[in-house]
Amino acid sequence: MSEQENAVSEKEAEAKNTSQAPAQETEIKEETFQAGPEVLETEKIETAQEINEESAQISQEEYEKLQQQVQSLKDSWARERAEFQNYKRRTAVEFSNIRKESVKNFVTNLLNPLDNLERVASDTSSTDIKPFQEGVEMIRKEFLTVLEKENIQRFSPQGEAFDPMRMEAIASEELEDIDEEKVTEVYQSGYQLVAAENSDQQPIIIRPSRVKVGRPKNT
């Protein structure tokens, strides 16, 4: 073989070696690239575990603080609710008392006209005005019906035991056939504001009944 042919063969061999080297380097790079995601995934898992451990520790501390805050809010809410319930009860009682006092004052102003109507209706001195008296009695009963709708009752305690809380004694007499004080005559009817049904409240006396009291005779 000539020297020229040897030179050509050497150049061809170098060219082959040169073309194979980049391929090998590419394969190494590809292997490195393929191994890279696995390493990154492992690092991600380890980092996530560390973060979860730290978060769990922080969450426990925050949970305890939140529990304290929730308990404090519950206590505050319970106090506010109790105060509000007390306020509602006080307001209801005050409103009821104001209403009763207003009704009492209003009815008190009507009692004298009602008494006059009663006197006219019960007058027996003349029979000529009887139709007029019947008309007056109808008007008086209508007034009483209106008052009863507002739980205001008229009472005339004839023959009842004397009750100083509901009656005013303006005269008295001793009697032999009784063993306790009794009303023997009613001069003026009384009026009272009674409580609603299913209530244990005592009636409010708007005006006591004026009566004559019979007492047992001393022996």
N, C-alpha and C. Protein backbone atom coordinates (compact mmCIF):
# COMPACT_ATOMS: atom_id res chain seq x y z
N MET A 1 0.88 -1.19 0.00
CA MET A 1 0.00 0.00 0.00
C MET A 1 0.90 1.21 0.00
N SER A 2 0.50 2.22 -0.78
CA SER A 2 1.32 3.42 -0.92
C SER A 2 1.12 4.33 0.27
N GLU A 3 1.99 5.26 0.39
CA GLU A 3 1.92 6.23 1.51
C GLU A 3 0.66 7.07 1.41
N GLN A 4 0.25 7.37 0.22
CA GLN A 4 -0.96 8.18 0.05
C GLN A 4 -2.18 7.44 0.55
N GLU A 5 -2.25 6.14 0.25
CA GLU A 5 -3.39 5.35 0.67
C GLU A 5 -3.42 5.22 2.18
N ASN A 6 -2.23 5.08 2.78
CA ASN A 6 -2.16 5.02 4.25
C ASN A 6 -2.66 6.30 4.89
N ALA A 7 -2.31 7.40 4.30
CA ALA A 7 -2.75 8.70 4.85
C ALA A 7 -4.26 8.84 4.77
N VAL A 8 -4.84 8.36 3.66
CA VAL A 8 -6.29 8.45 3.50
C VAL A 8 -6.99 7.58 4.51
N SER A 9 -6.41 6.39 4.75
CA SER A 9 -7.03 5.46 5.71
C SER A 9 -6.98 6.03 7.12
N GLU A 10 -5.89 6.66 7.46
CA GLU A 10 -5.79 7.28 8.80
C GLU A 10 -6.80 8.40 8.98
N LYS A 11 -6.96 9.22 7.94
CA LYS A 11 -7.93 10.33 8.02
C LYS A 11 -9.36 9.81 8.19
N GLU A 12 -9.69 8.69 7.45
CA GLU A 12 -11.01 8.12 7.55
C GLU A 12 -11.26 7.58 8.95
N ALA A 13 -10.20 6.95 9.53
CA ALA A 13 -10.35 6.41 10.90
C ALA A 13 -10.58 7.53 11.92
N GLU A 14 -9.85 8.63 11.77
CA GLU A 14 -10.04 9.77 12.68
C GLU A 14 -11.45 10.34 12.55
N ALA A 15 -11.93 10.37 11.29
CA ALA A 15 -13.27 10.91 11.07
C ALA A 15 -14.32 10.05 11.74
N LYS A 16 -14.14 8.71 11.67
CA LYS A 16 -15.08 7.82 12.33
C LYS A 16 -15.05 8.00 13.83
N ASN A 17 -13.86 8.10 14.39
CA ASN A 17 -13.75 8.30 15.84
C ASN A 17 -14.41 9.60 16.26
N THR A 18 -14.23 10.63 15.43
CA THR A 18 -14.82 11.94 15.75
C THR A 18 -16.34 11.85 15.71
N SER A 19 -16.92 11.15 14.75
CA SER A 19 -18.38 11.05 14.61
C SER A 19 -18.98 10.22 15.73
N GLN A 20 -18.24 9.25 16.27
CA GLN A 20 -18.75 8.42 17.35
C GLN A 20 -18.70 9.11 18.70
N ALA A 21 -17.78 10.01 18.92
CA ALA A 21 -17.63 10.70 20.22
C ALA A 21 -18.85 11.52 20.58
N PRO A 22 -19.37 12.39 19.73
CA PRO A 22 -20.58 13.13 20.10
C PRO A 22 -21.75 12.22 20.39
N ALA A 23 -21.84 11.10 19.70
CA ALA A 23 -22.97 10.19 19.97
C ALA A 23 -22.89 9.64 21.36
N GLN A 24 -21.65 9.27 21.80
CA GLN A 24 -21.48 8.75 23.14
C GLN A 24 -21.79 9.82 24.19
N GLU A 25 -21.35 11.05 23.90
CA GLU A 25 -21.62 12.17 24.83
C GLU A 25 -23.12 12.43 24.93
N THR A 26 -23.80 12.30 23.79
CA THR A 26 -25.25 12.50 23.79
C THR A 26 -25.94 11.44 24.62
N GLU A 27 -25.45 10.19 24.50
CA GLU A 27 -26.04 9.12 25.29
C GLU A 27 -25.86 9.35 26.77
N ILE A 28 -24.65 9.85 27.16
CA ILE A 28 -24.40 10.15 28.57
C ILE A 28 -25.33 11.23 29.07
N LYS A 29 -25.51 12.28 28.22
CA LYS A 29 -26.41 13.37 28.61
C LYS A 29 -27.84 12.87 28.75
N GLU A 30 -28.26 11.96 27.81
CA GLU A 30 -29.62 11.44 27.89
C GLU A 30 -29.82 10.63 29.15
N GLU A 31 -28.79 9.82 29.54
CA GLU A 31 -28.89 9.03 30.75
C GLU A 31 -29.00 9.95 31.96
N THR A 32 -28.19 11.02 31.95
CA THR A 32 -28.24 11.99 33.06
C THR A 32 -29.60 12.65 33.13
N PHE A 33 -30.17 12.99 31.96
CA PHE A 33 -31.48 13.63 31.92
C PHE A 33 -32.57 12.70 32.43
N GLN A 34 -32.41 11.40 32.06
CA GLN A 34 -33.40 10.44 32.52
C GLN A 34 -33.32 10.21 34.02
N ALA A 35 -32.15 10.26 34.59
CA ALA A 35 -32.00 10.06 36.03
C ALA A 35 -32.41 11.29 36.82
N GLY A 36 -32.41 12.48 36.20
CA GLY A 36 -32.71 13.74 36.91
C GLY A 36 -34.09 13.79 37.53
N PRO A 37 -35.21 13.51 36.89
CA PRO A 37 -36.56 13.58 37.49
C PRO A 37 -36.72 12.70 38.71
N GLU A 38 -36.10 11.54 38.74
CA GLU A 38 -36.21 10.68 39.92
C GLU A 38 -35.59 11.33 41.13
N VAL A 39 -34.45 11.93 40.90
CA VAL A 39 -33.78 12.64 42.01
C VAL A 39 -34.63 13.80 42.48
N LEU A 40 -35.16 14.57 41.52
CA LEU A 40 -36.00 15.72 41.87
C LEU A 40 -37.25 15.27 42.61
N GLU A 41 -37.85 14.17 42.20
CA GLU A 41 -39.07 13.67 42.85
C GLU A 41 -38.78 13.27 44.30
N THR A 42 -37.66 12.62 44.51
CA THR A 42 -37.26 12.24 45.88
C THR A 42 -37.08 13.47 46.75
N GLU A 43 -36.43 14.48 46.18
CA GLU A 43 -36.23 15.73 46.94
C GLU A 43 -37.56 16.41 47.25
N LYS A 44 -38.48 16.35 46.29
CA LYS A 44 -39.80 16.95 46.52
C LYS A 44 -40.54 16.26 47.67
N ILE A 45 -40.47 14.92 47.68
CA ILE A 45 -41.16 14.15 48.72
C ILE A 45 -40.58 14.48 50.09
N GLU A 46 -39.24 14.50 50.17
CA GLU A 46 -38.60 14.83 51.45
C GLU A 46 -38.97 16.23 51.90
N THR A 47 -38.98 17.19 50.97
CA THR A 47 -39.33 18.57 51.31
C THR A 47 -40.79 18.67 51.75
N ALA A 48 -41.69 17.95 51.07
CA ALA A 48 -43.11 17.97 51.44
C ALA A 48 -43.33 17.40 52.83
N GLN A 49 -42.59 16.32 53.16
CA GLN A 49 -42.71 15.73 54.50
C GLN A 49 -42.27 16.70 55.57
N GLU A 50 -41.18 17.40 55.30
CA GLU A 50 -40.69 18.38 56.26
C GLU A 50 -41.72 19.50 56.45
N ILE A 51 -42.30 19.96 55.34
CA ILE A 51 -43.29 21.04 55.42
C ILE A 51 -44.52 20.58 56.18
N ASN A 52 -44.96 19.33 55.93
CA ASN A 52 -46.14 18.80 56.63
C ASN A 52 -45.90 18.69 58.13
N GLU A 53 -44.68 18.25 58.49
CA GLU A 53 -44.36 18.14 59.92
C GLU A 53 -44.38 19.51 60.57
N GLU A 54 -43.80 20.51 59.91
CA GLU A 54 -43.81 21.87 60.45
C GLU A 54 -45.24 22.42 60.50
N SER A 55 -46.01 22.16 59.44
CA SER A 55 -47.39 22.65 59.42
C SER A 55 -48.22 22.00 60.51
N ALA A 56 -48.02 20.69 60.74
CA ALA A 56 -48.77 20.01 61.80
C ALA A 56 -48.46 20.61 63.16
N GLN A 57 -47.19 20.93 63.39
CA GLN A 57 -46.82 21.53 64.66
C GLN A 57 -47.44 22.92 64.82
N ILE A 58 -47.41 23.71 63.77
CA ILE A 58 -47.99 25.06 63.82
C ILE A 58 -49.50 24.98 63.96
N SER A 59 -50.13 24.05 63.23
CA SER A 59 -51.58 23.92 63.29
C SER A 59 -52.05 23.53 64.69
N GLN A 60 -51.31 22.70 65.39
CA GLN A 60 -51.69 22.33 66.75
C GLN A 60 -51.69 23.53 67.68
N GLU A 61 -50.65 24.35 67.54
CA GLU A 61 -50.59 25.56 68.37
C GLU A 61 -51.72 26.52 68.02
N GLU A 62 -51.96 26.69 66.71
CA GLU A 62 -53.04 27.57 66.29
C GLU A 62 -54.39 27.01 66.72
N TYR A 63 -54.54 25.68 66.66
CA TYR A 63 -55.80 25.04 67.07
C TYR A 63 -56.11 25.33 68.53
N GLU A 64 -55.10 25.24 69.39
CA GLU A 64 -55.30 25.53 70.80
C GLU A 64 -55.70 26.99 71.00
N LYS A 65 -55.06 27.89 70.26
CA LYS A 65 -55.41 29.31 70.37
C LYS A 65 -56.84 29.54 69.88
N LEU A 66 -57.18 28.88 68.77
CA LEU A 66 -58.54 29.03 68.24
C LEU A 66 -59.58 28.48 69.21
N GLN A 67 -59.24 27.36 69.86
CA GLN A 67 -60.16 26.81 70.86
C GLN A 67 -60.40 27.81 71.98
N GLN A 68 -59.35 28.45 72.45
CA GLN A 68 -59.50 29.45 73.50
C GLN A 68 -60.37 30.62 73.03
N GLN A 69 -60.14 31.04 71.78
CA GLN A 69 -60.94 32.14 71.23
C GLN A 69 -62.41 31.75 71.10
N VAL A 70 -62.64 30.51 70.64
CA VAL A 70 -64.02 30.04 70.49
C VAL A 70 -64.71 29.98 71.85
N GLN A 71 -64.01 29.47 72.87
CA GLN A 71 -64.60 29.39 74.21
C GLN A 71 -64.90 30.77 74.76
N SER A 72 -63.97 31.71 74.49
CA SER A 72 -64.19 33.08 74.94
C SER A 72 -65.40 33.69 74.26
N LEU A 73 -65.55 33.42 72.96
CA LEU A 73 -66.71 33.94 72.23
C LEU A 73 -68.01 33.30 72.72
N LYS A 74 -67.95 32.01 73.04
CA LYS A 74 -69.14 31.34 73.57
C LYS A 74 -69.56 31.95 74.91
N ASP A 75 -68.59 32.19 75.79
CA ASP A 75 -68.91 32.80 77.08
C ASP A 75 -69.48 34.20 76.90
N SER A 76 -68.87 34.95 75.99
CA SER A 76 -69.37 36.30 75.73
C SER A 76 -70.78 36.27 75.16
N TRP A 77 -71.02 35.32 74.24
CA TRP A 77 -72.35 35.20 73.64
C TRP A 77 -73.39 34.81 74.69
N ALA A 78 -73.01 33.87 75.59
CA ALA A 78 -73.94 33.45 76.64
C ALA A 78 -74.30 34.61 77.55
N ARG A 79 -73.29 35.43 77.91
CA ARG A 79 -73.58 36.59 78.77
C ARG A 79 -74.48 37.59 78.06
N GLU A 80 -74.16 37.87 76.79
CA GLU A 80 -74.97 38.82 76.04
C GLU A 80 -76.40 38.32 75.89
N ARG A 81 -76.56 37.01 75.65
CA ARG A 81 -77.91 36.45 75.49
C ARG A 81 -78.69 36.55 76.80
N ALA A 82 -78.02 36.24 77.92
CA ALA A 82 -78.69 36.34 79.21
C ALA A 82 -79.11 37.78 79.50
N GLU A 83 -78.22 38.72 79.21
CA GLU A 83 -78.55 40.14 79.42
C GLU A 83 -79.71 40.56 78.53
N PHE A 84 -79.72 40.06 77.28
CA PHE A 84 -80.80 40.43 76.36
C PHE A 84 -82.14 39.85 76.82
N GLN A 85 -82.12 38.60 77.32
CA GLN A 85 -83.35 37.99 77.83
C GLN A 85 -83.87 38.76 79.04
N ASN A 86 -82.95 39.16 79.92
CA ASN A 86 -83.37 39.97 81.08
C ASN A 86 -83.95 41.31 80.63
N TYR A 87 -83.31 41.89 79.62
CA TYR A 87 -83.81 43.17 79.09
C TYR A 87 -85.21 43.01 78.51
N LYS A 88 -85.44 41.90 77.78
CA LYS A 88 -86.78 41.66 77.21
C LYS A 88 -87.82 41.50 78.31
N ARG A 89 -87.46 40.76 79.39
CA ARG A 89 -88.42 40.58 80.47
C ARG A 89 -88.71 41.91 81.17
N ARG A 90 -87.65 42.68 81.44
CA ARG A 90 -87.86 43.98 82.09
C ARG A 90 -88.71 44.89 81.22
N THR A 91 -88.43 44.90 79.93
CA THR A 91 -89.20 45.75 79.01
C THR A 91 -90.66 45.32 78.96
N ALA A 92 -90.90 43.99 78.93
CA ALA A 92 -92.27 43.50 78.89
C ALA A 92 -93.03 43.89 80.15
N VAL A 93 -92.36 43.75 81.30
CA VAL A 93 -93.01 44.12 82.57
C VAL A 93 -93.28 45.62 82.61
N GLU A 94 -92.30 46.42 82.20
CA GLU A 94 -92.49 47.88 82.21
C GLU A 94 -93.61 48.28 81.26
N PHE A 95 -93.64 47.66 80.07
CA PHE A 95 -94.70 47.99 79.11
C PHE A 95 -96.06 47.61 79.67
N SER A 96 -96.14 46.43 80.31
CA SER A 96 -97.41 46.00 80.89
C SER A 96 -97.86 46.96 81.99
N ASN A 97 -96.92 47.38 82.84
CA ASN A 97 -97.27 48.31 83.92
C ASN A 97 -97.71 49.67 83.37
N ILE A 98 -97.03 50.14 82.34
CA ILE A 98 -97.40 51.41 81.73
C ILE A 98 -98.80 51.32 81.12
N ARG A 99 -99.05 50.20 80.44
CA ARG A 99 -100.37 50.02 79.83
C ARG A 99 -101.47 49.98 80.89
N LYS A 100 -101.21 49.22 81.96
CA LYS A 100 -102.21 49.12 83.02
C LYS A 100 -102.46 50.48 83.66
N GLU A 101 -101.40 51.23 83.89
CA GLU A 101 -101.57 52.55 84.51
C GLU A 101 -102.33 53.50 83.59
N SER A 102 -102.05 53.40 82.27
CA SER A 102 -102.77 54.25 81.31
C SER A 102 -104.26 53.90 81.28
N VAL A 103 -104.54 52.59 81.25
CA VAL A 103 -105.94 52.16 81.24
C VAL A 103 -106.64 52.58 82.52
N LYS A 104 -105.93 52.42 83.65
CA LYS A 104 -106.51 52.79 84.94
C LYS A 104 -106.86 54.28 84.98
N ASN A 105 -105.95 55.12 84.52
CA ASN A 105 -106.20 56.57 84.52
C ASN A 105 -107.35 56.93 83.59
N PHE A 106 -107.40 56.26 82.43
CA PHE A 106 -108.46 56.56 81.47
C PHE A 106 -109.83 56.16 82.03
N VAL A 107 -109.89 54.95 82.60
CA VAL A 107 -111.17 54.46 83.11
C VAL A 107 -111.62 55.29 84.31
N THR A 108 -110.68 55.71 85.13
CA THR A 108 -111.04 56.53 86.30
C THR A 108 -111.82 57.77 85.88
N ASN A 109 -111.44 58.35 84.74
CA ASN A 109 -112.14 59.54 84.27
C ASN A 109 -113.54 59.22 83.75
N LEU A 110 -113.80 57.95 83.44
CA LEU A 110 -115.12 57.57 82.94
C LEU A 110 -116.08 57.15 84.05
N LEU A 111 -115.56 56.92 85.24
CA LEU A 111 -116.41 56.34 86.28
C LEU A 111 -117.52 57.29 86.75
N ASN A 112 -117.21 58.56 86.90
CA ASN A 112 -118.25 59.50 87.33
C ASN A 112 -119.41 59.57 86.33
N PRO A 113 -119.13 59.69 85.01
CA PRO A 113 -120.25 59.64 84.06
C PRO A 113 -121.04 58.33 84.13
N LEU A 114 -120.35 57.21 84.36
CA LEU A 114 -121.05 55.94 84.48
C LEU A 114 -121.92 55.91 85.73
N ASP A 115 -121.41 56.49 86.81
CA ASP A 115 -122.22 56.55 88.03
C ASP A 115 -123.47 57.38 87.81
N ASN A 116 -123.35 58.47 87.09
CA ASN A 116 -124.51 59.31 86.81
C ASN A 116 -125.54 58.57 85.95
N LEU A 117 -125.04 57.82 84.97
CA LEU A 117 -125.97 57.03 84.15
C LEU A 117 -126.69 55.99 85.01
N GLU A 118 -125.96 55.39 85.94
CA GLU A 118 -126.57 54.39 86.82
C GLU A 118 -127.63 55.02 87.72
N ARG A 119 -127.37 56.23 88.21
CA ARG A 119 -128.35 56.91 89.08
C ARG A 119 -129.64 57.22 88.31
N VAL A 120 -129.43 57.68 87.06
CA VAL A 120 -130.61 57.99 86.26
C VAL A 120 -131.41 56.72 85.97
N ALA A 121 -130.72 55.65 85.63
CA ALA A 121 -131.42 54.42 85.27
C ALA A 121 -132.12 53.78 86.46
N SER A 122 -131.61 54.01 87.66
CA SER A 122 -132.20 53.37 88.85
C SER A 122 -133.17 54.27 89.60
N ASP A 123 -133.42 55.45 89.09
CA ASP A 123 -134.35 56.37 89.76
C ASP A 123 -135.78 55.86 89.58
N THR A 124 -136.47 55.69 90.69
CA THR A 124 -137.85 55.18 90.65
C THR A 124 -138.86 56.23 91.12
N SER A 125 -138.42 57.48 91.17
CA SER A 125 -139.31 58.53 91.68
C SER A 125 -140.44 58.86 90.70
N SER A 126 -140.24 58.56 89.43
CA SER A 126 -141.28 58.89 88.44
C SER A 126 -141.34 57.79 87.39
N THR A 127 -142.53 57.47 87.00
CA THR A 127 -142.72 56.47 85.95
C THR A 127 -142.83 57.08 84.57
N ASP A 128 -142.91 58.42 84.52
CA ASP A 128 -143.08 59.08 83.22
C ASP A 128 -141.80 59.01 82.37
N ILE A 129 -140.67 58.86 83.02
CA ILE A 129 -139.40 58.86 82.28
C ILE A 129 -138.85 57.43 82.11
N LYS A 130 -139.69 56.46 82.30
CA LYS A 130 -139.21 55.08 82.23
C LYS A 130 -138.61 54.75 80.86
N PRO A 131 -139.23 55.13 79.73
CA PRO A 131 -138.59 54.85 78.43
C PRO A 131 -137.21 55.51 78.33
N PHE A 132 -137.10 56.71 78.87
CA PHE A 132 -135.81 57.40 78.85
C PHE A 132 -134.79 56.63 79.71
N GLN A 133 -135.25 56.18 80.86
CA GLN A 133 -134.37 55.42 81.73
C GLN A 133 -133.88 54.12 81.07
N GLU A 134 -134.76 53.48 80.34
CA GLU A 134 -134.37 52.25 79.65
C GLU A 134 -133.29 52.54 78.60
N GLY A 135 -133.42 53.67 77.91
CA GLY A 135 -132.39 54.06 76.94
C GLY A 135 -131.06 54.34 77.62
N VAL A 136 -131.14 55.02 78.78
CA VAL A 136 -129.91 55.31 79.53
C VAL A 136 -129.26 54.01 80.01
N GLU A 137 -130.06 53.07 80.44
CA GLU A 137 -129.52 51.79 80.93
C GLU A 137 -128.83 51.03 79.78
N MET A 138 -129.39 51.11 78.60
CA MET A 138 -128.76 50.46 77.45
C MET A 138 -127.39 51.07 77.17
N ILE A 139 -127.32 52.39 77.25
CA ILE A 139 -126.03 53.07 77.02
C ILE A 139 -125.02 52.67 78.09
N ARG A 140 -125.48 52.60 79.34
CA ARG A 140 -124.58 52.22 80.43
C ARG A 140 -124.03 50.81 80.23
N LYS A 141 -124.90 49.87 79.82
CA LYS A 141 -124.46 48.50 79.58
C LYS A 141 -123.45 48.42 78.43
N GLU A 142 -123.65 49.26 77.41
CA GLU A 142 -122.69 49.27 76.30
C GLU A 142 -121.32 49.74 76.79
N PHE A 143 -121.31 50.74 77.68
CA PHE A 143 -120.05 51.19 78.27
C PHE A 143 -119.38 50.04 79.03
N LEU A 144 -120.16 49.34 79.82
CA LEU A 144 -119.60 48.24 80.60
C LEU A 144 -119.06 47.12 79.70
N THR A 145 -119.75 46.88 78.58
CA THR A 145 -119.27 45.86 77.64
C THR A 145 -117.92 46.24 77.05
N VAL A 146 -117.77 47.51 76.72
CA VAL A 146 -116.49 47.99 76.18
C VAL A 146 -115.38 47.83 77.23
N LEU A 147 -115.71 48.15 78.48
CA LEU A 147 -114.71 48.02 79.54
C LEU A 147 -114.33 46.56 79.78
N GLU A 148 -115.31 45.68 79.70
CA GLU A 148 -115.02 44.26 79.92
C GLU A 148 -114.09 43.70 78.85
N LYS A 149 -114.17 44.23 77.65
CA LYS A 149 -113.25 43.80 76.60
C LYS A 149 -111.81 44.16 76.93
N GLU A 150 -111.64 45.16 77.76
CA GLU A 150 -110.31 45.56 78.22
C GLU A 150 -110.00 44.97 79.59
N ASN A 151 -110.73 43.91 79.96
CA ASN A 151 -110.52 43.19 81.24
C ASN A 151 -110.81 44.07 82.46
N ILE A 152 -111.73 45.02 82.30
CA ILE A 152 -112.13 45.87 83.42
C ILE A 152 -113.53 45.43 83.86
N GLN A 153 -113.64 45.06 85.10
CA GLN A 153 -114.89 44.52 85.62
C GLN A 153 -115.46 45.42 86.70
N ARG A 154 -116.77 45.51 86.68
CA ARG A 154 -117.49 46.22 87.73
C ARG A 154 -117.89 45.19 88.78
N PHE A 155 -117.73 45.53 90.06
CA PHE A 155 -118.15 44.60 91.10
C PHE A 155 -118.96 45.34 92.17
N SER A 156 -120.02 44.66 92.61
CA SER A 156 -120.88 45.17 93.66
C SER A 156 -120.99 44.09 94.72
N PRO A 157 -120.21 44.16 95.80
CA PRO A 157 -120.05 43.05 96.75
C PRO A 157 -121.17 42.95 97.79
N GLN A 158 -122.38 43.03 97.37
CA GLN A 158 -123.49 42.92 98.30
C GLN A 158 -123.52 41.53 98.95
N GLY A 159 -123.52 41.48 100.30
CA GLY A 159 -123.57 40.23 101.03
C GLY A 159 -122.25 39.50 101.14
N GLU A 160 -121.19 40.03 100.58
CA GLU A 160 -119.89 39.37 100.65
C GLU A 160 -119.16 39.75 101.93
N ALA A 161 -118.15 38.95 102.27
CA ALA A 161 -117.30 39.28 103.41
C ALA A 161 -116.53 40.55 103.10
N PHE A 162 -116.36 41.38 104.10
CA PHE A 162 -115.69 42.66 103.89
C PHE A 162 -114.21 42.44 103.59
N ASP A 163 -113.73 43.04 102.51
CA ASP A 163 -112.34 42.95 102.09
C ASP A 163 -111.79 44.37 101.97
N PRO A 164 -110.95 44.80 102.91
CA PRO A 164 -110.46 46.19 102.88
C PRO A 164 -109.59 46.49 101.67
N MET A 165 -109.09 45.46 100.98
CA MET A 165 -108.28 45.69 99.78
C MET A 165 -109.14 46.05 98.57
N ARG A 166 -110.41 45.68 98.60
CA ARG A 166 -111.31 45.93 97.47
C ARG A 166 -112.46 46.85 97.83
N MET A 167 -112.64 47.11 99.13
CA MET A 167 -113.82 47.87 99.57
C MET A 167 -113.41 48.98 100.52
N GLU A 168 -114.24 50.01 100.53
CA GLU A 168 -114.05 51.14 101.43
C GLU A 168 -115.31 51.26 102.31
N ALA A 169 -115.13 51.06 103.59
CA ALA A 169 -116.28 51.13 104.50
C ALA A 169 -116.53 52.57 104.90
N ILE A 170 -117.69 53.08 104.55
CA ILE A 170 -118.03 54.46 104.92
C ILE A 170 -119.14 54.48 105.98
N ALA A 171 -119.64 53.30 106.34
CA ALA A 171 -120.64 53.20 107.41
C ALA A 171 -120.60 51.77 107.94
N SER A 172 -121.11 51.61 109.16
CA SER A 172 -121.12 50.27 109.77
C SER A 172 -122.31 50.15 110.71
N GLU A 173 -122.65 48.92 111.05
CA GLU A 173 -123.73 48.64 111.98
C GLU A 173 -123.47 47.28 112.62
N GLU A 174 -123.98 47.14 113.83
CA GLU A 174 -123.83 45.86 114.54
C GLU A 174 -125.07 45.02 114.31
N LEU A 175 -124.82 43.74 114.04
CA LEU A 175 -125.91 42.81 113.77
C LEU A 175 -125.73 41.56 114.62
N GLU A 176 -126.84 40.96 115.00
CA GLU A 176 -126.78 39.79 115.87
C GLU A 176 -126.66 38.48 115.10
N ASP A 177 -127.10 38.44 113.88
CA ASP A 177 -127.18 37.17 113.17
C ASP A 177 -125.98 36.93 112.24
N ILE A 178 -124.86 37.58 112.47
CA ILE A 178 -123.66 37.35 111.66
C ILE A 178 -122.48 37.07 112.58
N ASP A 179 -121.50 36.32 112.07
CA ASP A 179 -120.32 36.01 112.87
C ASP A 179 -119.04 36.60 112.28
N GLU A 180 -119.17 37.36 111.18
CA GLU A 180 -118.02 38.05 110.58
C GLU A 180 -118.52 39.32 109.89
N GLU A 181 -117.59 40.19 109.57
CA GLU A 181 -117.97 41.44 108.91
C GLU A 181 -118.44 41.16 107.49
N LYS A 182 -119.63 41.68 107.18
CA LYS A 182 -120.20 41.50 105.85
C LYS A 182 -120.72 42.82 105.30
N VAL A 183 -120.78 42.88 103.98
CA VAL A 183 -121.31 44.07 103.32
C VAL A 183 -122.83 43.99 103.34
N THR A 184 -123.44 44.98 103.97
CA THR A 184 -124.90 44.99 104.06
C THR A 184 -125.53 45.95 103.05
N GLU A 185 -124.74 46.87 102.53
CA GLU A 185 -125.28 47.82 101.56
C GLU A 185 -124.13 48.36 100.72
N VAL A 186 -124.37 48.51 99.41
CA VAL A 186 -123.36 49.05 98.49
C VAL A 186 -123.80 50.44 98.06
N TYR A 187 -122.99 51.42 98.39
CA TYR A 187 -123.30 52.80 98.00
C TYR A 187 -122.76 53.13 96.61
N GLN A 188 -121.63 52.54 96.29
CA GLN A 188 -121.00 52.83 94.99
C GLN A 188 -120.23 51.58 94.54
N SER A 189 -120.50 51.18 93.31
CA SER A 189 -119.83 49.98 92.79
C SER A 189 -118.33 50.23 92.59
N GLY A 190 -117.57 49.16 92.67
CA GLY A 190 -116.13 49.25 92.43
C GLY A 190 -115.76 48.73 91.06
N TYR A 191 -114.54 49.04 90.62
CA TYR A 191 -114.03 48.59 89.33
C TYR A 191 -112.61 48.06 89.52
N GLN A 192 -112.31 46.98 88.79
CA GLN A 192 -110.98 46.38 88.90
C GLN A 192 -110.50 45.92 87.52
N LEU A 193 -109.20 45.96 87.36
CA LEU A 193 -108.55 45.48 86.14
C LEU A 193 -108.02 44.08 86.42
N VAL A 194 -108.64 43.10 85.79
CA VAL A 194 -108.27 41.71 86.06
C VAL A 194 -107.19 41.27 85.07
N ALA A 195 -106.39 40.30 85.50
CA ALA A 195 -105.34 39.77 84.63
C ALA A 195 -105.94 38.89 83.55
N ALA A 196 -105.14 38.62 82.54
CA ALA A 196 -105.60 37.74 81.47
C ALA A 196 -105.76 36.32 81.99
N GLU A 197 -106.41 35.50 81.19
CA GLU A 197 -106.63 34.12 81.59
C GLU A 197 -105.30 33.39 81.75
N ASN A 198 -105.30 32.39 82.64
CA ASN A 198 -104.12 31.58 82.94
C ASN A 198 -102.99 32.42 83.51
N SER A 199 -103.36 33.46 84.23
CA SER A 199 -102.37 34.30 84.91
C SER A 199 -102.67 34.32 86.39
N ASP A 200 -101.60 34.32 87.19
CA ASP A 200 -101.78 34.31 88.64
C ASP A 200 -101.68 35.71 89.26
N GLN A 201 -101.70 36.73 88.42
CA GLN A 201 -101.63 38.09 88.92
C GLN A 201 -102.94 38.50 89.57
N GLN A 202 -102.82 39.25 90.65
CA GLN A 202 -104.00 39.73 91.35
C GLN A 202 -104.63 40.90 90.60
N PRO A 203 -105.96 41.05 90.70
CA PRO A 203 -106.61 42.20 90.04
C PRO A 203 -106.09 43.53 90.60
N ILE A 204 -106.07 44.51 89.74
CA ILE A 204 -105.68 45.87 90.14
C ILE A 204 -106.95 46.66 90.40
N ILE A 205 -107.08 47.17 91.59
CA ILE A 205 -108.28 47.92 91.95
C ILE A 205 -108.19 49.32 91.37
N ILE A 206 -109.11 49.63 90.47
CA ILE A 206 -109.17 50.97 89.91
C ILE A 206 -109.91 51.91 90.85
N ARG A 207 -110.99 51.39 91.41
CA ARG A 207 -111.73 52.14 92.44
C ARG A 207 -112.38 51.14 93.38
N PRO A 208 -112.15 51.28 94.68
CA PRO A 208 -112.80 50.36 95.62
C PRO A 208 -114.29 50.63 95.70
N SER A 209 -115.00 49.61 96.07
CA SER A 209 -116.44 49.76 96.24
C SER A 209 -116.72 50.40 97.61
N ARG A 210 -117.59 51.38 97.63
CA ARG A 210 -117.97 52.04 98.89
C ARG A 210 -119.18 51.34 99.47
N VAL A 211 -119.04 50.88 100.71
CA VAL A 211 -120.05 49.98 101.27
C VAL A 211 -120.36 50.33 102.73
N LYS A 212 -121.42 49.73 103.17
CA LYS A 212 -121.79 49.73 104.58
C LYS A 212 -121.52 48.33 105.11
N VAL A 213 -120.84 48.26 106.26
CA VAL A 213 -120.38 46.98 106.79
C VAL A 213 -121.19 46.62 108.03
N GLY A 214 -121.64 45.38 108.07
CA GLY A 214 -122.30 44.85 109.25
C GLY A 214 -121.30 44.06 110.09
N ARG A 215 -121.22 44.36 111.37
CA ARG A 215 -120.28 43.70 112.27
C ARG A 215 -121.06 42.87 113.31
N PRO A 216 -120.41 41.77 113.76
CA PRO A 216 -121.09 40.97 114.82
C PRO A 216 -121.28 41.81 116.07
N LYS A 217 -122.43 41.66 116.68
CA LYS A 217 -122.75 42.43 117.88
C LYS A 217 -121.98 41.88 119.05
N ASN A 218 -121.35 42.79 119.82
CA ASN A 218 -120.60 42.37 121.01
C ASN A 218 -121.56 41.91 122.09
N THR A 219 -121.24 40.76 122.71
CA THR A 219 -122.12 40.24 123.79
C THR A 219 -121.44 40.37 125.13
